[in-house]
């Protein structure tokens, strides 16, 4: 039969063993939350980039602007999305750039 001293030592040892598991669980939850935020941002940026390039292609075809799809144009649409595409179309229409 266990006396109270042995029982208390066993309880202390069990609680010490469970602490790393709790920390791992908390770290996993935090990592999952951060990963969710990053992927959500990447998804929005990808959608914005695709919309910008589609607007640029449609504007180029409809208004016959002859905008060359160089790395500056693609990078502007990739970073700015629809706003960047509209700015590129306006600048080309006004004869300022591209």
Foldseek 3Di string as FASTA:
>chain_A
DDDPVVVVVVVVVVVVVCVVVVVVVVVVVVVVVVVVVVVVVVVVLVVLLVQLVVLLVVLCVVVVLPDDPDPVLSVQCSRVRNVSSVVVSVCSVVVNHD
